[in-house]
C-alpha atoms as a PDB file:
ATOM      1  CA  MET A   1      38.342  17.642 -18.576  1.00  0.00           C
ATOM      2  CA  LYS A   2      38.900  21.239 -19.429  1.00  0.00           C
ATOM      3  CA  ALA A   3      37.228  22.254 -16.115  1.00  0.00           C
ATOM      4  CA  LYS A   4      39.730  19.967 -14.126  1.00  0.00           C
ATOM      5  CA  VAL A   5      42.652  21.509 -16.045  1.00  0.00           C
ATOM      6  CA  ALA A   6      41.439  24.943 -15.493  1.00  0.00           C
ATOM      7  CA  GLY A   7      40.788  24.154 -11.767  1.00  0.00           C
ATOM      8  CA  ALA A   8      44.247  22.804 -11.378  1.00  0.00           C
ATOM      9  CA  LEU A   9      45.851  25.923 -12.992  1.00  0.00           C
ATOM     10  CA  LEU A  10      43.804  28.090 -10.795  1.00  0.00           C
ATOM     11  CA  THR A  11      44.905  26.299  -7.589  1.00  0.00           C
ATOM     12  CA  ILE A  12      48.612  26.600  -8.821  1.00  0.00           C
ATOM     13  CA  ILE A  13      48.365  30.330  -9.289  1.00  0.00           C
ATOM     14  CA  VAL A  14      46.431  31.020  -6.109  1.00  0.00           C
ATOM     15  CA  LEU A  15      48.817  28.924  -4.128  1.00  0.00           C
ATOM     16  CA  SER A  16      51.988  30.374  -5.713  1.00  0.00           C
ATOM     17  CA  GLY A  17      50.822  33.845  -4.860  1.00  0.00           C
ATOM     18  CA  CYS A  18      50.719  33.166  -1.121  1.00  0.00           C
ATOM     19  CA  ALA A  19      54.467  32.372  -0.755  1.00  0.00           C
ATOM     20  CA  SER A  20      57.158  34.912  -0.286  1.00  0.00           C
ATOM     21  CA  THR A  21      60.894  34.952   0.000  1.00  0.00           C
ATOM     22  CA  ALA A  22      63.227  37.466   1.259  1.00  0.00           C
ATOM     23  CA  GLY A  23      67.032  37.698   1.656  1.00  0.00           C
ATOM     24  CA  ASN A  24      69.861  36.127   0.084  1.00  0.00           C
ATOM     25  CA  GLN A  25      68.920  33.153  -1.986  1.00  0.00           C
ATOM     26  CA  SER A  26      72.524  31.857  -2.134  1.00  0.00           C
ATOM     27  CA  ILE A  27      72.151  30.237   1.280  1.00  0.00           C
ATOM     28  CA  LYS A  28      68.674  28.809   0.640  1.00  0.00           C
ATOM     29  CA  ASN A  29      69.914  25.190   0.079  1.00  0.00           C
ATOM     30  CA  GLU A  30      72.784  25.337   2.417  1.00  0.00           C
ATOM     31  CA  THR A  31      73.181  23.168   5.739  1.00  0.00           C
ATOM     32  CA  GLN A  32      75.565  23.256   8.594  1.00  0.00           C
ATOM     33  CA  GLN A  33      77.630  20.477   6.838  1.00  0.00           C
ATOM     34  CA  SER A  34      77.784  22.228   3.516  1.00  0.00           C
ATOM     35  CA  ILE A  35      78.920  25.394   4.871  1.00  0.00           C
ATOM     36  CA  ALA A  36      81.691  23.475   6.869  1.00  0.00           C
ATOM     37  CA  SER A  37      82.866  21.947   3.599  1.00  0.00           C
ATOM     38  CA  LYS A  38      83.132  25.434   2.023  1.00  0.00           C
ATOM     39  CA  ILE A  39      84.495  27.838   4.689  1.00  0.00           C
ATOM     40  CA  PHE A  40      87.892  27.044   6.422  1.00  0.00           C
ATOM     41  CA  LYS A  41      89.044  29.235   9.266  1.00  0.00           C
ATOM     42  CA  GLY A  42      92.272  31.065   8.545  1.00  0.00           C
ATOM     43  CA  ARG A  43      92.215  29.926   4.918  1.00  0.00           C
ATOM     44  CA  THR A  44      88.990  31.143   3.228  1.00  0.00           C
ATOM     45  CA  THR A  45      89.200  34.889   2.057  1.00  0.00           C
ATOM     46  CA  LYS A  46      86.522  37.537   1.713  1.00  0.00           C
ATOM     47  CA  GLN A  47      86.886  37.114  -2.062  1.00  0.00           C
ATOM     48  CA  ASP A  48      86.142  33.273  -1.752  1.00  0.00           C
ATOM     49  CA  ILE A  49      83.003  34.064   0.582  1.00  0.00           C
ATOM     50  CA  GLN A  50      81.702  36.700  -2.036  1.00  0.00           C
ATOM     51  CA  LYS A  51      82.257  34.403  -4.863  1.00  0.00           C
ATOM     52  CA  GLN A  52      80.520  31.522  -3.162  1.00  0.00           C
ATOM     53  CA  PHE A  53      77.597  33.415  -1.547  1.00  0.00           C
ATOM     54  CA  GLY A  54      77.481  36.816  -3.282  1.00  0.00           C
ATOM     55  CA  GLU A  55      76.946  40.152  -1.699  1.00  0.00           C
ATOM     56  CA  PRO A  56      76.017  39.808   2.007  1.00  0.00           C
ATOM     57  CA  THR A  57      72.739  41.118   3.406  1.00  0.00           C
ATOM     58  CA  ARG A  58      74.552  43.163   5.857  1.00  0.00           C
ATOM     59  CA  LYS A  59      78.306  44.075   6.537  1.00  0.00           C
ATOM     60  CA  THR A  60      79.528  45.407   9.925  1.00  0.00           C
ATOM     61  CA  THR A  61      82.994  46.459  11.021  1.00  0.00           C
ATOM     62  CA  VAL A  62      83.760  45.484  14.700  1.00  0.00           C
ATOM     63  CA  ASP A  63      87.152  47.097  15.002  1.00  0.00           C
ATOM     64  CA  THR A  64      89.861  48.201  12.456  1.00  0.00           C
ATOM     65  CA  ASN A  65      90.858  44.765  11.372  1.00  0.00           C
ATOM     66  CA  GLU A  66      87.644  42.737  11.959  1.00  0.00           C
ATOM     67  CA  ASP A  67      84.609  42.599   9.777  1.00  0.00           C
ATOM     68  CA  MET A  68      81.376  40.525   9.989  1.00  0.00           C
ATOM     69  CA  TRP A  69      79.283  39.613   7.117  1.00  0.00           C
ATOM     70  CA  PHE A  70      75.649  38.550   7.369  1.00  0.00           C
ATOM     71  CA  TYR A  71      73.523  36.381   5.055  1.00  0.00           C
ATOM     72  CA  SER A  72      70.180  35.583   5.602  1.00  0.00           C
ATOM     73  CA  VAL A  73      67.050  34.140   3.822  1.00  0.00           C
ATOM     74  CA  MET A  74      63.462  33.674   4.885  1.00  0.00           C
ATOM     75  CA  ASN A  75      60.685  31.797   3.088  1.00  0.00           C
ATOM     76  CA  SER A  76      57.036  31.884   4.174  1.00  0.00           C
ATOM     77  CA  ASN A  77      54.017  30.015   2.824  1.00  0.00           C
ATOM     78  CA  MET A  78      50.505  30.102   4.049  1.00  0.00           C
ATOM     79  CA  SER A  79      49.493  26.765   5.558  1.00  0.00           C
ATOM     80  CA  ALA A  80      47.287  24.650   3.257  1.00  0.00           C
ATOM     81  CA  THR A  81      44.332  24.632   5.928  1.00  0.00           C
ATOM     82  CA  SER A  82      43.960  28.332   5.316  1.00  0.00           C
ATOM     83  CA  TYR A  83      42.503  27.648   2.046  1.00  0.00           C
ATOM     84  CA  ILE A  84      39.683  25.206   3.214  1.00  0.00           C
ATOM     85  CA  PRO A  85      36.399  27.151   3.575  1.00  0.00           C
ATOM     86  CA  ILE A  86      35.309  27.670   7.198  1.00  0.00           C
ATOM     87  CA  VAL A  87      38.176  25.625   8.401  1.00  0.00           C
ATOM     88  CA  GLY A  88      40.673  28.278   7.273  1.00  0.00           C
ATOM     89  CA  ILE A  89      38.896  30.737   9.703  1.00  0.00           C
ATOM     90  CA  PHE A  90      40.055  28.645  12.597  1.00  0.00           C
ATOM     91  CA  THR A  91      43.435  27.319  11.330  1.00  0.00           C
ATOM     92  CA  ASN A  92      44.813  30.181   9.312  1.00  0.00           C
ATOM     93  CA  GLY A  93      48.485  30.454   9.440  1.00  0.00           C
ATOM     94  CA  THR A  94      51.965  30.773   7.941  1.00  0.00           C
ATOM     95  CA  ASP A  95      54.809  28.413   7.987  1.00  0.00           C
ATOM     96  CA  MET A  96      58.355  30.083   7.897  1.00  0.00           C
ATOM     97  CA  LYS A  97      61.729  28.890   7.327  1.00  0.00           C
ATOM     98  CA  SER A  98      64.711  30.901   7.891  1.00  0.00           C
ATOM     99  CA  LYS A  99      68.549  30.564   7.564  1.00  0.00           C
ATOM    100  CA  ALA A 100      71.410  32.835   8.616  1.00  0.00           C
ATOM    101  CA  LEU A 101      75.137  32.761   8.077  1.00  0.00           C
ATOM    102  CA  THR A 102      77.489  35.126   9.902  1.00  0.00           C
ATOM    103  CA  VAL A 103      81.229  35.119   8.906  1.00  0.00           C
ATOM    104  CA  THR A 104      83.660  37.014  10.914  1.00  0.00           C
ATOM    105  CA  PHE A 105      86.877  38.177   9.353  1.00  0.00           C
ATOM    106  CA  GLN A 106      90.145  39.194  10.725  1.00  0.00           C
ATOM    107  CA  GLY A 107      91.904  41.202   7.978  1.00  0.00           C
ATOM    108  CA  ASP A 108      91.101  39.285   4.800  1.00  0.00           C
ATOM    109  CA  LYS A 109      90.779  35.641   6.155  1.00  0.00           C
ATOM    110  CA  VAL A 110      87.791  33.920   8.017  1.00  0.00           C
ATOM    111  CA  GLU A 111      88.233  33.972  11.755  1.00  0.00           C
ATOM    112  CA  ASN A 112      84.871  32.466  12.574  1.00  0.00           C
ATOM    113  CA  TRP A 113      81.471  31.595  11.208  1.00  0.00           C
ATOM    114  CA  SER A 114      78.249  30.419  12.464  1.00  0.00           C
ATOM    115  CA  PHE A 115      74.995  29.123  10.605  1.00  0.00           C
ATOM    116  CA  SER A 116      71.655  28.742  12.018  1.00  0.00           C
ATOM    117  CA  GLU A 117      68.157  27.576  10.566  1.00  0.00           C
ATOM    118  CA  SER A 118      64.678  27.633  12.034  1.00  0.00           C
ATOM    119  CA  ASN A 119      61.378  26.433  11.333  1.00  0.00           C
ATOM    120  CA  ASP A 120      58.352  28.382  12.812  1.00  0.00           C
ATOM    121  CA  SER A 121      54.496  28.405  12.370  1.00  0.00           C
ATOM    122  CA  VAL A 122      52.517  31.440  13.034  1.00  0.00           C
ATOM    123  CA  HIS A 123      48.807  30.707  13.612  1.00  0.00           C
ATOM    124  CA  ASN A 124      46.263  33.535  13.597  1.00  0.00           C
ATOM    125  CA  GLY A 125      42.899  31.844  13.320  1.00  0.00           C
ATOM    126  CA  LEU A 126      40.057  32.248  15.694  1.00  0.00           C
END
């Protein structure tokens, strides 16, 4: 029994060490629909956006009265088959999920926004 518990704990520790996250975690659970219910063109302000999503990953000034704020997050996990002896040599890979939110402001109000998400797999086995 102790061996099973120790084995389970070791597995959890090893697998959790092979996941990584980068970027702004505030958009991690967002969808196109959830963003649409939070951002309204011409009405939502920079303060509203910052309160909802925190500090952007990047800010850009397009012209004197137009700013763009970028939020992005990426999560990657090694695929489960990477841990199988011998099989992992041939099927080694990483599953990646990313999301990006871009908000364009005219003055202090949202002019436009876009949201994208992607699921990718990178395989580098033999």
